Amino acid sequence: MYDVVIVGAGPGGATNAAFLAKAGLKVLLVDKTAFPREKICGDAISGKSVNILQRLDLAGRMQKIDQMASWGVVFSGPGGDQVEIPFTRSFEKKAPPGYVCARDVFDTMIVEKAVEAG
């Protein structure tokens, strides 16, 4: 018997499973594919997602996996116009406000956290 069954172990499902397990619920997390698995994605992890990683105590682990720090984005149009948007005004922070990380690496990290949480 489980308190919660979550179908889909992508970032949303695994994050929810980790939080619910940390709260003491008995959680079953299922996915149709074994991990690590490939997933087509832009691989960007935004500042809001980084805040969730901190709440899951994954900020340090994020620094240790294969990733690239991201301090902003650049959008460009077909005519060559560009717009740069920094993620933060302060570049003196030790931890970056965002990352780029392959989904198979990122998703596996979160699933492992969910398993550790119960």
PDB file of N, CA and C in Angstrom:
ATOM      1  N   MET A   1       0.838  -1.185   0.000  1.00  0.00           N
ATOM      2  CA  MET A   1       0.000   0.000   0.000  1.00  0.00           C
ATOM      3  C   MET A   1       0.882   1.248   0.000  1.00  0.00           C
ATOM      4  N   TYR A   2       0.457   2.231  -0.749  1.00  0.00           N
ATOM      5  CA  TYR A   2       1.163   3.498  -0.840  1.00  0.00           C
ATOM      6  C   TYR A   2       0.201   4.638  -0.550  1.00  0.00           C
ATOM      7  N   ASP A   3       0.739   5.713  -0.035  1.00  0.00           N
ATOM      8  CA  ASP A   3      -0.055   6.922   0.145  1.00  0.00           C
ATOM      9  C   ASP A   3      -0.234   7.645  -1.172  1.00  0.00           C
ATOM     10  N   VAL A   4       0.800   7.592  -2.003  1.00  0.00           N
ATOM     11  CA  VAL A   4       0.807   8.307  -3.280  1.00  0.00           C
ATOM     12  C   VAL A   4       1.505   7.454  -4.328  1.00  0.00           C
ATOM     13  N   VAL A   5       0.934   7.401  -5.529  1.00  0.00           N
ATOM     14  CA  VAL A   5       1.579   6.764  -6.674  1.00  0.00           C
ATOM     15  C   VAL A   5       1.784   7.853  -7.714  1.00  0.00           C
ATOM     16  N   ILE A   6       3.030   8.022  -8.159  1.00  0.00           N
ATOM     17  CA  ILE A   6       3.352   9.030  -9.164  1.00  0.00           C
ATOM     18  C   ILE A   6       3.801   8.312 -10.425  1.00  0.00           C
ATOM     19  N   VAL A   7       3.143   8.613 -11.522  1.00  0.00           N
ATOM     20  CA  VAL A   7       3.466   8.008 -12.805  1.00  0.00           C
ATOM     21  C   VAL A   7       4.264   9.031 -13.601  1.00  0.00           C
ATOM     22  N   GLY A   8       5.508   8.687 -13.898  1.00  0.00           N
ATOM     23  CA  GLY A   8       6.401   9.580 -14.628  1.00  0.00           C
ATOM     24  C   GLY A   8       7.506  10.083 -13.718  1.00  0.00           C
ATOM     25  N   ALA A   9       8.733   9.649 -13.979  1.00  0.00           N
ATOM     26  CA  ALA A   9       9.867   9.991 -13.111  1.00  0.00           C
ATOM     27  C   ALA A   9      10.747  11.076 -13.706  1.00  0.00           C
ATOM     28  N   GLY A  10      10.157  11.938 -14.526  1.00  0.00           N
ATOM     29  CA  GLY A  10      10.895  13.098 -15.011  1.00  0.00           C
ATOM     30  C   GLY A  10      11.104  14.070 -13.865  1.00  0.00           C
ATOM     31  N   PRO A  11      11.597  15.266 -14.153  1.00  0.00           N
ATOM     32  CA  PRO A  11      11.885  16.215 -13.079  1.00  0.00           C
ATOM     33  C   PRO A  11      10.681  16.522 -12.182  1.00  0.00           C
ATOM     34  N   GLY A  12       9.505  16.689 -12.763  1.00  0.00           N
ATOM     35  CA  GLY A  12       8.322  16.996 -11.957  1.00  0.00           C
ATOM     36  C   GLY A  12       7.913  15.839 -11.062  1.00  0.00           C
ATOM     37  N   GLY A  13       7.825  14.641 -11.634  1.00  0.00           N
ATOM     38  CA  GLY A  13       7.419  13.479 -10.856  1.00  0.00           C
ATOM     39  C   GLY A  13       8.425  13.122  -9.779  1.00  0.00           C
ATOM     40  N   ALA A  14       9.706  13.106 -10.125  1.00  0.00           N
ATOM     41  CA  ALA A  14      10.739  12.747  -9.157  1.00  0.00           C
ATOM     42  C   ALA A  14      10.853  13.786  -8.043  1.00  0.00           C
ATOM     43  N   THR A  15      10.707  15.058  -8.390  1.00  0.00           N
ATOM     44  CA  THR A  15      10.752  16.107  -7.372  1.00  0.00           C
ATOM     45  C   THR A  15       9.591  15.960  -6.399  1.00  0.00           C
ATOM     46  N   ASN A  16       8.403  15.742  -6.932  1.00  0.00           N
ATOM     47  CA  ASN A  16       7.251  15.538  -6.061  1.00  0.00           C
ATOM     48  C   ASN A  16       7.430  14.305  -5.187  1.00  0.00           C
ATOM     49  N   ALA A  17       7.939  13.227  -5.746  1.00  0.00           N
ATOM     50  CA  ALA A  17       8.169  12.011  -4.971  1.00  0.00           C
ATOM     51  C   ALA A  17       9.145  12.279  -3.829  1.00  0.00           C
ATOM     52  N   ALA A  18      10.214  13.018  -4.111  1.00  0.00           N
ATOM     53  CA  ALA A  18      11.204  13.320  -3.070  1.00  0.00           C
ATOM     54  C   ALA A  18      10.593  14.151  -1.948  1.00  0.00           C
ATOM     55  N   PHE A  19       9.842  15.203  -2.299  1.00  0.00           N
ATOM     56  CA  PHE A  19       9.220  16.044  -1.271  1.00  0.00           C
ATOM     57  C   PHE A  19       8.193  15.262  -0.446  1.00  0.00           C
ATOM     58  N   LEU A  20       7.378  14.447  -1.104  1.00  0.00           N
ATOM     59  CA  LEU A  20       6.367  13.680  -0.379  1.00  0.00           C
ATOM     60  C   LEU A  20       7.000  12.639   0.534  1.00  0.00           C
ATOM     61  N   ALA A  21       8.060  11.980   0.049  1.00  0.00           N
ATOM     62  CA  ALA A  21       8.754  10.994   0.882  1.00  0.00           C
ATOM     63  C   ALA A  21       9.417  11.672   2.077  1.00  0.00           C
ATOM     64  N   LYS A  22      10.014  12.847   1.849  1.00  0.00           N
ATOM     65  CA  LYS A  22      10.619  13.592   2.969  1.00  0.00           C
ATOM     66  C   LYS A  22       9.571  13.991   3.999  1.00  0.00           C
ATOM     67  N   ALA A  23       8.320  14.148   3.547  1.00  0.00           N
ATOM     68  CA  ALA A  23       7.224  14.514   4.451  1.00  0.00           C
ATOM     69  C   ALA A  23       6.653  13.300   5.184  1.00  0.00           C
ATOM     70  N   GLY A  24       7.208  12.117   4.880  1.00  0.00           N
ATOM     71  CA  GLY A  24       6.800  10.916   5.611  1.00  0.00           C
ATOM     72  C   GLY A  24       5.766  10.050   4.916  1.00  0.00           C
ATOM     73  N   LEU A  25       5.405  10.390   3.696  1.00  0.00           N
ATOM     74  CA  LEU A  25       4.439   9.566   2.975  1.00  0.00           C
ATOM     75  C   LEU A  25       5.137   8.398   2.286  1.00  0.00           C
ATOM     76  N   LYS A  26       4.411   7.305   2.119  1.00  0.00           N
ATOM     77  CA  LYS A  26       4.940   6.149   1.388  1.00  0.00           C
ATOM     78  C   LYS A  26       4.607   6.361  -0.086  1.00  0.00           C
ATOM     79  N   VAL A  27       5.645   6.515  -0.913  1.00  0.00           N
ATOM     80  CA  VAL A  27       5.477   6.933  -2.302  1.00  0.00           C
ATOM     81  C   VAL A  27       5.995   5.855  -3.246  1.00  0.00           C
ATOM     82  N   LEU A  28       5.240   5.591  -4.298  1.00  0.00           N
ATOM     83  CA  LEU A  28       5.690   4.733  -5.392  1.00  0.00           C
ATOM     84  C   LEU A  28       5.855   5.630  -6.610  1.00  0.00           C
ATOM     85  N   LEU A  29       7.062   5.641  -7.170  1.00  0.00           N
ATOM     86  CA  LEU A  29       7.385   6.420  -8.364  1.00  0.00           C
ATOM     87  C   LEU A  29       7.666   5.441  -9.488  1.00  0.00           C
ATOM     88  N   VAL A  30       6.883   5.500 -10.562  1.00  0.00           N
ATOM     89  CA  VAL A  30       7.061   4.574 -11.682  1.00  0.00           C
ATOM     90  C   VAL A  30       7.277   5.348 -12.975  1.00  0.00           C
ATOM     91  N   ASP A  31       8.036   4.735 -13.865  1.00  0.00           N
ATOM     92  CA  ASP A  31       8.265   5.309 -15.185  1.00  0.00           C
ATOM     93  C   ASP A  31       8.340   4.162 -16.179  1.00  0.00           C
ATOM     94  N   LYS A  32       7.965   4.403 -17.411  1.00  0.00           N
ATOM     95  CA  LYS A  32       7.974   3.344 -18.417  1.00  0.00           C
ATOM     96  C   LYS A  32       9.386   2.978 -18.880  1.00  0.00           C
ATOM     97  N   THR A  33      10.355   3.822 -18.556  1.00  0.00           N
ATOM     98  CA  THR A  33      11.718   3.628 -19.026  1.00  0.00           C
ATOM     99  C   THR A  33      12.674   3.512 -17.849  1.00  0.00           C
ATOM    100  N   ALA A  34      13.716   2.708 -18.017  1.00  0.00           N
ATOM    101  CA  ALA A  34      14.762   2.595 -16.990  1.00  0.00           C
ATOM    102  C   ALA A  34      15.666   3.821 -17.053  1.00  0.00           C
ATOM    103  N   PHE A  35      16.200   4.209 -15.913  1.00  0.00           N
ATOM    104  CA  PHE A  35      17.102   5.362 -15.825  1.00  0.00           C
ATOM    105  C   PHE A  35      18.527   4.875 -15.686  1.00  0.00           C
ATOM    106  N   PRO A  36      19.493   5.619 -16.200  1.00  0.00           N
ATOM    107  CA  PRO A  36      19.352   6.882 -16.928  1.00  0.00           C
ATOM    108  C   PRO A  36      18.763   6.641 -18.309  1.00  0.00           C
ATOM    109  N   ARG A  37      18.015   7.608 -18.793  1.00  0.00           N
ATOM    110  CA  ARG A  37      17.392   7.512 -20.101  1.00  0.00           C
ATOM    111  C   ARG A  37      17.547   8.838 -20.841  1.00  0.00           C
ATOM    112  N   GLU A  38      17.585   8.726 -22.158  1.00  0.00           N
ATOM    113  CA  GLU A  38      17.694   9.918 -22.995  1.00  0.00           C
ATOM    114  C   GLU A  38      16.335  10.598 -23.081  1.00  0.00           C
ATOM    115  N   LYS A  39      16.361  11.922 -23.143  1.00  0.00           N
ATOM    116  CA  LYS A  39      15.129  12.698 -23.289  1.00  0.00           C
ATOM    117  C   LYS A  39      15.491  13.960 -24.065  1.00  0.00           C
ATOM    118  N   ILE A  40      14.807  14.191 -25.158  1.00  0.00           N
ATOM    119  CA  ILE A  40      15.070  15.393 -25.947  1.00  0.00           C
ATOM    120  C   ILE A  40      14.606  16.605 -25.153  1.00  0.00           C
ATOM    121  N   CYS A  41      15.508  17.582 -25.021  1.00  0.00           N
ATOM    122  CA  CYS A  41      15.215  18.743 -24.188  1.00  0.00           C
ATOM    123  C   CYS A  41      16.271  19.807 -24.464  1.00  0.00           C
ATOM    124  N   GLY A  42      15.947  21.038 -24.133  1.00  0.00           N
ATOM    125  CA  GLY A  42      16.924  22.115 -24.260  1.00  0.00           C
ATOM    126  C   GLY A  42      17.955  22.094 -23.153  1.00  0.00           C
ATOM    127  N   ASP A  43      17.723  21.291 -22.123  1.00  0.00           N
ATOM    128  CA  ASP A  43      18.676  21.050 -21.035  1.00  0.00           C
ATOM    129  C   ASP A  43      18.916  22.239 -20.116  1.00  0.00           C
ATOM    130  N   ALA A  44      18.100  23.285 -20.206  1.00  0.00           N
ATOM    131  CA  ALA A  44      18.272  24.458 -19.344  1.00  0.00           C
ATOM    132  C   ALA A  44      17.564  24.230 -18.012  1.00  0.00           C
ATOM    133  N   ILE A  45      18.214  24.657 -16.940  1.00  0.00           N
ATOM    134  CA  ILE A  45      17.655  24.590 -15.597  1.00  0.00           C
ATOM    135  C   ILE A  45      17.617  26.017 -15.083  1.00  0.00           C
ATOM    136  N   SER A  46      16.414  26.548 -14.925  1.00  0.00           N
ATOM    137  CA  SER A  46      16.233  27.961 -14.590  1.00  0.00           C
ATOM    138  C   SER A  46      16.485  28.240 -13.113  1.00  0.00           C
ATOM    139  N   GLY A  47      16.517  29.524 -12.793  1.00  0.00           N
ATOM    140  CA  GLY A  47      16.707  29.946 -11.412  1.00  0.00           C
ATOM    141  C   GLY A  47      15.626  29.427 -10.485  1.00  0.00           C
ATOM    142  N   LYS A  48      14.390  29.379 -10.951  1.00  0.00           N
ATOM    143  CA  LYS A  48      13.310  28.834 -10.125  1.00  0.00           C
ATOM    144  C   LYS A  48      13.560  27.362  -9.833  1.00  0.00           C
ATOM    145  N   SER A  49      14.050  26.636 -10.814  1.00  0.00           N
ATOM    146  CA  SER A  49      14.366  25.224 -10.599  1.00  0.00           C
ATOM    147  C   SER A  49      15.549  25.062  -9.655  1.00  0.00           C
ATOM    148  N   VAL A  50      16.515  25.964  -9.731  1.00  0.00           N
ATOM    149  CA  VAL A  50      17.660  25.925  -8.820  1.00  0.00           C
ATOM    150  C   VAL A  50      17.182  26.118  -7.380  1.00  0.00           C
ATOM    151  N   ASN A  51      16.192  26.973  -7.173  1.00  0.00           N
ATOM    152  CA  ASN A  51      15.631  27.144  -5.829  1.00  0.00           C
ATOM    153  C   ASN A  51      15.047  25.838  -5.307  1.00  0.00           C
ATOM    154  N   ILE A  52      14.377  25.086  -6.162  1.00  0.00           N
ATOM    155  CA  ILE A  52      13.816  23.791  -5.758  1.00  0.00           C
ATOM    156  C   ILE A  52      14.946  22.816  -5.445  1.00  0.00           C
ATOM    157  N   LEU A  53      16.009  22.833  -6.240  1.00  0.00           N
ATOM    158  CA  LEU A  53      17.161  21.961  -5.964  1.00  0.00           C
ATOM    159  C   LEU A  53      17.747  22.270  -4.590  1.00  0.00           C
ATOM    160  N   GLN A  54      17.793  23.530  -4.237  1.00  0.00           N
ATOM    161  CA  GLN A  54      18.290  23.904  -2.907  1.00  0.00           C
ATOM    162  C   GLN A  54      17.389  23.351  -1.818  1.00  0.00           C
ATOM    163  N   ARG A  55      16.088  23.415  -2.015  1.00  0.00           N
ATOM    164  CA  ARG A  55      15.140  22.885  -1.023  1.00  0.00           C
ATOM    165  C   ARG A  55      15.264  21.372  -0.885  1.00  0.00           C
ATOM    166  N   LEU A  56      15.714  20.701  -1.948  1.00  0.00           N
ATOM    167  CA  LEU A  56      15.920  19.248  -1.899  1.00  0.00           C
ATOM    168  C   LEU A  56      17.335  18.884  -1.459  1.00  0.00           C
ATOM    169  N   ASP A  57      18.128  19.869  -1.071  1.00  0.00           N
ATOM    170  CA  ASP A  57      19.533  19.651  -0.696  1.00  0.00           C
ATOM    171  C   ASP A  57      20.340  19.049  -1.844  1.00  0.00           C
ATOM    172  N   LEU A  58      20.067  19.503  -3.059  1.00  0.00           N
ATOM    173  CA  LEU A  58      20.781  19.019  -4.240  1.00  0.00           C
ATOM    174  C   LEU A  58      21.712  20.052  -4.857  1.00  0.00           C
ATOM    175  N   ALA A  59      21.813  21.216  -4.260  1.00  0.00           N
ATOM    176  CA  ALA A  59      22.657  22.264  -4.840  1.00  0.00           C
ATOM    177  C   ALA A  59      24.117  21.816  -4.912  1.00  0.00           C
ATOM    178  N   GLY A  60      24.611  21.193  -3.866  1.00  0.00           N
ATOM    179  CA  GLY A  60      25.991  20.708  -3.863  1.00  0.00           C
ATOM    180  C   GLY A  60      26.206  19.592  -4.858  1.00  0.00           C
ATOM    181  N   ARG A  61      25.240  18.702  -4.952  1.00  0.00           N
ATOM    182  CA  ARG A  61      25.351  17.590  -5.905  1.00  0.00           C
ATOM    183  C   ARG A  61      25.308  18.109  -7.329  1.00  0.00           C
ATOM    184  N   MET A  62      24.532  19.170  -7.562  1.00  0.00           N
ATOM    185  CA  MET A  62      24.442  19.764  -8.895  1.00  0.00           C
ATOM    186  C   MET A  62      25.817  20.247  -9.347  1.00  0.00           C
ATOM    187  N   GLN A  63      26.596  20.763  -8.410  1.00  0.00           N
ATOM    188  CA  GLN A  63      27.942  21.252  -8.733  1.00  0.00           C
ATOM    189  C   GLN A  63      28.879  20.113  -9.126  1.00  0.00           C
ATOM    190  N   LYS A  64      28.579  18.884  -8.687  1.00  0.00           N
ATOM    191  CA  LYS A  64      29.480  17.748  -8.905  1.00  0.00           C
ATOM    192  C   LYS A  64      29.158  16.944 -10.155  1.00  0.00           C
ATOM    193  N   ILE A  65      27.944  17.090 -10.698  1.00  0.00           N
ATOM    194  CA  ILE A  65      27.601  16.322 -11.892  1.00  0.00           C
ATOM    195  C   ILE A  65      28.043  17.079 -13.145  1.00  0.00           C
ATOM    196  N   ASP A  66      27.951  16.416 -14.274  1.00  0.00           N
ATOM    197  CA  ASP A  66      28.350  17.015 -15.549  1.00  0.00           C
ATOM    198  C   ASP A  66      27.324  18.073 -15.947  1.00  0.00           C
ATOM    199  N   GLN A  67      27.693  19.338 -15.823  1.00  0.00           N
ATOM    200  CA  GLN A  67      26.807  20.461 -16.123  1.00  0.00           C
ATOM    201  C   GLN A  67      27.630  21.678 -16.501  1.00  0.00           C
ATOM    202  N   MET A  68      26.951  22.718 -16.934  1.00  0.00           N
ATOM    203  CA  MET A  68      27.614  23.979 -17.242  1.00  0.00           C
ATOM    204  C   MET A  68      26.810  25.094 -16.580  1.00  0.00           C
ATOM    205  N   ALA A  69      27.497  25.960 -15.867  1.00  0.00           N
ATOM    206  CA  ALA A  69      26.830  27.088 -15.212  1.00  0.00           C
ATOM    207  C   ALA A  69      26.262  28.035 -16.259  1.00  0.00           C
ATOM    208  N   SER A  70      25.114  28.617 -15.935  1.00  0.00           N
ATOM    209  CA  SER A  70      24.480  29.566 -16.838  1.00  0.00           C
ATOM    210  C   SER A  70      24.157  30.834 -16.063  1.00  0.00           C
ATOM    211  N   TRP A  71      24.649  31.939 -16.578  1.00  0.00           N
ATOM    212  CA  TRP A  71      24.429  33.238 -15.931  1.00  0.00           C
ATOM    213  C   TRP A  71      23.446  34.092 -16.704  1.00  0.00           C
ATOM    214  N   GLY A  72      22.878  33.563 -17.807  1.00  0.00           N
ATOM    215  CA  GLY A  72      21.911  34.299 -18.598  1.00  0.00           C
ATOM    216  C   GLY A  72      21.664  33.621 -19.930  1.00  0.00           C
ATOM    217  N   VAL A  73      20.828  34.245 -20.741  1.00  0.00           N
ATOM    218  CA  VAL A  73      20.512  33.705 -22.064  1.00  0.00           C
ATOM    219  C   VAL A  73      20.659  34.803 -23.107  1.00  0.00           C
ATOM    220  N   VAL A  74      20.878  34.360 -24.325  1.00  0.00           N
ATOM    221  CA  VAL A  74      20.929  35.272 -25.465  1.00  0.00           C
ATOM    222  C   VAL A  74      19.948  34.749 -26.506  1.00  0.00           C
ATOM    223  N   PHE A  75      19.005  35.590 -26.886  1.00  0.00           N
ATOM    224  CA  PHE A  75      18.066  35.254 -27.954  1.00  0.00           C
ATOM    225  C   PHE A  75      18.512  36.000 -29.204  1.00  0.00           C
ATOM    226  N   SER A  76      18.502  35.304 -30.340  1.00  0.00           N
ATOM    227  CA  SER A  76      18.873  35.974 -31.582  1.00  0.00           C
ATOM    228  C   SER A  76      17.832  35.661 -32.657  1.00  0.00           C
ATOM    229  N   GLY A  77      17.611  36.646 -33.510  1.00  0.00           N
ATOM    230  CA  GLY A  77      16.646  36.507 -34.586  1.00  0.00           C
ATOM    231  C   GLY A  77      17.337  36.233 -35.901  1.00  0.00           C
ATOM    232  N   PRO A  78      16.565  35.876 -36.913  1.00  0.00           N
ATOM    233  CA  PRO A  78      17.150  35.550 -38.219  1.00  0.00           C
ATOM    234  C   PRO A  78      17.879  36.733 -38.859  1.00  0.00           C
ATOM    235  N   GLY A  79      17.542  37.960 -38.481  1.00  0.00           N
ATOM    236  CA  GLY A  79      18.208  39.142 -39.029  1.00  0.00           C
ATOM    237  C   GLY A  79      19.470  39.519 -38.277  1.00  0.00           C
ATOM    238  N   GLY A  80      19.826  38.735 -37.251  1.00  0.00           N
ATOM    239  CA  GLY A  80      21.035  39.018 -36.490  1.00  0.00           C
ATOM    240  C   GLY A  80      20.806  39.839 -35.228  1.00  0.00           C
ATOM    241  N   ASP A  81      19.584  40.306 -35.006  1.00  0.00           N
ATOM    242  CA  ASP A  81      19.298  41.038 -33.768  1.00  0.00           C
ATOM    243  C   ASP A  81      19.446  40.108 -32.566  1.00  0.00           C
ATOM    244  N   GLN A  82      19.968  40.659 -31.469  1.00  0.00           N
ATOM    245  CA  GLN A  82      20.164  39.862 -30.268  1.00  0.00           C
ATOM    246  C   GLN A  82      19.668  40.597 -29.036  1.00  0.00           C
ATOM    247  N   VAL A  83      19.179  39.805 -28.083  1.00  0.00           N
ATOM    248  CA  VAL A  83      18.785  40.328 -26.785  1.00  0.00           C
ATOM    249  C   VAL A  83      19.436  39.445 -25.733  1.00  0.00           C
ATOM    250  N   GLU A  84      20.194  40.067 -24.847  1.00  0.00           N
ATOM    251  CA  GLU A  84      20.818  39.332 -23.743  1.00  0.00           C
ATOM    252  C   GLU A  84      20.028  39.579 -22.470  1.00  0.00           C
ATOM    253  N   ILE A  85      19.753  38.495 -21.745  1.00  0.00           N
ATOM    254  CA  ILE A  85      19.026  38.607 -20.487  1.00  0.00           C
ATOM    255  C   ILE A  85      19.847  37.905 -19.402  1.00  0.00           C
ATOM    256  N   PRO A  86      20.457  38.687 -18.513  1.00  0.00           N
ATOM    257  CA  PRO A  86      21.201  38.059 -17.414  1.00  0.00           C
ATOM    258  C   PRO A  86      20.223  37.498 -16.384  1.00  0.00           C
ATOM    259  N   PHE A  87      20.605  36.388 -15.742  1.00  0.00           N
ATOM    260  CA  PHE A  87      19.752  35.799 -14.708  1.00  0.00           C
ATOM    261  C   PHE A  87      19.855  36.550 -13.394  1.00  0.00           C
ATOM    262  N   THR A  88      20.918  37.292 -13.210  1.00  0.00           N
ATOM    263  CA  THR A  88      21.106  38.020 -11.960  1.00  0.00           C
ATOM    264  C   THR A  88      21.933  39.259 -12.244  1.00  0.00           C
ATOM    265  N   ARG A  89      21.771  40.257 -11.429  1.00  0.00           N
ATOM    266  CA  ARG A  89      22.582  41.465 -11.579  1.00  0.00           C
ATOM    267  C   ARG A  89      23.932  41.301 -10.893  1.00  0.00           C
ATOM    268  N   SER A  90      24.023  40.350  -9.983  1.00  0.00           N
ATOM    269  CA  SER A  90      25.267  40.145  -9.237  1.00  0.00           C
ATOM    270  C   SER A  90      25.969  38.896  -9.733  1.00  0.00           C
ATOM    271  N   PHE A  91      27.107  39.073 -10.371  1.00  0.00           N
ATOM    272  CA  PHE A  91      27.877  37.939 -10.849  1.00  0.00           C
ATOM    273  C   PHE A  91      28.915  37.506  -9.823  1.00  0.00           C
ATOM    274  N   GLU A  92      28.813  38.042  -8.603  1.00  0.00           N
ATOM    275  CA  GLU A  92      29.754  37.694  -7.562  1.00  0.00           C
ATOM    276  C   GLU A  92      29.263  36.521  -6.713  1.00  0.00           C
ATOM    277  N   LYS A  93      28.098  35.974  -7.048  1.00  0.00           N
ATOM    278  CA  LYS A  93      27.586  34.807  -6.336  1.00  0.00           C
ATOM    279  C   LYS A  93      28.510  33.618  -6.590  1.00  0.00           C
ATOM    280  N   LYS A  94      28.640  32.761  -5.573  1.00  0.00           N
ATOM    281  CA  LYS A  94      29.468  31.569  -5.745  1.00  0.00           C
ATOM    282  C   LYS A  94      28.765  30.526  -6.600  1.00  0.00           C
ATOM    283  N   ALA A  95      27.465  30.394  -6.440  1.00  0.00           N
ATOM    284  CA  ALA A  95      26.707  29.422  -7.218  1.00  0.00           C
ATOM    285  C   ALA A  95      25.984  30.134  -8.354  1.00  0.00           C
ATOM    286  N   PRO A  96      25.984  29.551  -9.541  1.00  0.00           N
ATOM    287  CA  PRO A  96      25.304  30.194 -10.664  1.00  0.00           C
ATOM    288  C   PRO A  96      23.787  30.149 -10.481  1.00  0.00           C
ATOM    289  N   PRO A  97      23.079  31.084 -11.081  1.00  0.00           N
ATOM    290  CA  PRO A  97      21.626  31.111 -10.958  1.00  0.00           C
ATOM    291  C   PRO A  97      20.917  30.112 -11.866  1.00  0.00           C
ATOM    292  N   GLY A  98      21.637  29.476 -12.771  1.00  0.00           N
ATOM    293  CA  GLY A  98      21.048  28.488 -13.666  1.00  0.00           C
ATOM    294  C   GLY A  98      22.112  27.533 -14.171  1.00  0.00           C
ATOM    295  N   TYR A  99      21.663  26.485 -14.860  1.00  0.00           N
ATOM    296  CA  TYR A  99      22.588  25.474 -15.389  1.00  0.00           C
ATOM    297  C   TYR A  99      22.093  24.991 -16.738  1.00  0.00           C
ATOM    298  N   VAL A 100      22.994  24.344 -17.444  1.00  0.00           N
ATOM    299  CA  VAL A 100      22.655  23.545 -18.605  1.00  0.00           C
ATOM    300  C   VAL A 100      23.215  22.161 -18.301  1.00  0.00           C
ATOM    301  N   CYS A 101      22.329  21.162 -18.367  1.00  0.00           N
ATOM    302  CA  CYS A 101      22.716  19.809 -17.974  1.00  0.00           C
ATOM    303  C   CYS A 101      21.900  18.814 -18.789  1.00  0.00           C
ATOM    304  N   ALA A 102      22.558  17.797 -19.326  1.00  0.00           N
ATOM    305  CA  ALA A 102      21.854  16.777 -20.106  1.00  0.00           C
ATOM    306  C   ALA A 102      20.760  16.140 -19.258  1.00  0.00           C
ATOM    307  N   ARG A 103      19.607  15.914 -19.859  1.00  0.00           N
ATOM    308  CA  ARG A 103      18.466  15.386 -19.114  1.00  0.00           C
ATOM    309  C   ARG A 103      18.744  14.029 -18.494  1.00  0.00           C
ATOM    310  N   ASP A 104      19.495  13.163 -19.169  1.00  0.00           N
ATOM    311  CA  ASP A 104      19.749  11.853 -18.562  1.00  0.00           C
ATOM    312  C   ASP A 104      20.520  11.999 -17.255  1.00  0.00           C
ATOM    313  N   VAL A 105      21.421  12.956 -17.180  1.00  0.00           N
ATOM    314  CA  VAL A 105      22.202  13.203 -15.965  1.00  0.00           C
ATOM    315  C   VAL A 105      21.334  13.879 -14.903  1.00  0.00           C
ATOM    316  N   PHE A 106      20.622  14.928 -15.296  1.00  0.00           N
ATOM    317  CA  PHE A 106      19.794  15.695 -14.362  1.00  0.00           C
ATOM    318  C   PHE A 106      18.653  14.853 -13.791  1.00  0.00           C
ATOM    319  N   ASP A 107      17.927  14.173 -14.678  1.00  0.00           N
ATOM    320  CA  ASP A 107      16.792  13.368 -14.226  1.00  0.00           C
ATOM    321  C   ASP A 107      17.232  12.259 -13.280  1.00  0.00           C
ATOM    322  N   THR A 108      18.349  11.615 -13.593  1.00  0.00           N
ATOM    323  CA  THR A 108      18.845  10.539 -12.735  1.00  0.00           C
ATOM    324  C   THR A 108      19.195  11.072 -11.350  1.00  0.00           C
ATOM    325  N   MET A 109      19.784  12.266 -11.280  1.00  0.00           N
ATOM    326  CA  MET A 109      20.123  12.861  -9.981  1.00  0.00           C
ATOM    327  C   MET A 109      18.863  13.037  -9.128  1.00  0.00           C
ATOM    328  N   ILE A 110      17.781  13.504  -9.739  1.00  0.00           N
ATOM    329  CA  ILE A 110      16.563  13.742  -8.973  1.00  0.00           C
ATOM    330  C   ILE A 110      15.891  12.418  -8.587  1.00  0.00           C
ATOM    331  N   VAL A 111      15.887  11.444  -9.503  1.00  0.00           N
ATOM    332  CA  VAL A 111      15.321  10.133  -9.161  1.00  0.00           C
ATOM    333  C   VAL A 111      16.096   9.508  -8.006  1.00  0.00           C
ATOM    334  N   GLU A 112      17.418   9.616  -8.035  1.00  0.00           N
ATOM    335  CA  GLU A 112      18.231   9.089  -6.931  1.00  0.00           C
ATOM    336  C   GLU A 112      17.876   9.774  -5.615  1.00  0.00           C
ATOM    337  N   LYS A 113      17.613  11.080  -5.653  1.00  0.00           N
ATOM    338  CA  LYS A 113      17.210  11.805  -4.450  1.00  0.00           C
ATOM    339  C   LYS A 113      15.863  11.302  -3.938  1.00  0.00           C
ATOM    340  N   ALA A 114      14.940  11.038  -4.857  1.00  0.00           N
ATOM    341  CA  ALA A 114      13.628  10.516  -4.464  1.00  0.00           C
ATOM    342  C   ALA A 114      13.781   9.149  -3.798  1.00  0.00           C
ATOM    343  N   VAL A 115      14.644   8.307  -4.345  1.00  0.00           N
ATOM    344  CA  VAL A 115      14.882   6.981  -3.769  1.00  0.00           C
ATOM    345  C   VAL A 115      15.509   7.123  -2.376  1.00  0.00           C
ATOM    346  N   GLU A 116      16.492   8.007  -2.246  1.00  0.00           N
ATOM    347  CA  GLU A 116      17.116   8.245  -0.947  1.00  0.00           C
ATOM    348  C   GLU A 116      16.101   8.732   0.088  1.00  0.00           C
ATOM    349  N   ALA A 117      15.134   9.543  -0.369  1.00  0.00           N
ATOM    350  CA  ALA A 117      14.135  10.102   0.560  1.00  0.00           C
ATOM    351  C   ALA A 117      13.102   9.055   0.974  1.00  0.00           C
ATOM    352  N   GLY A 118      13.041   7.959   0.215  1.00  0.00           N
ATOM    353  CA  GLY A 118      12.104   6.900   0.588  1.00  0.00           C
ATOM    354  C   GLY A 118      11.111   6.585  -0.470  1.00  0.00           C
TER     355      GLY A 118
END
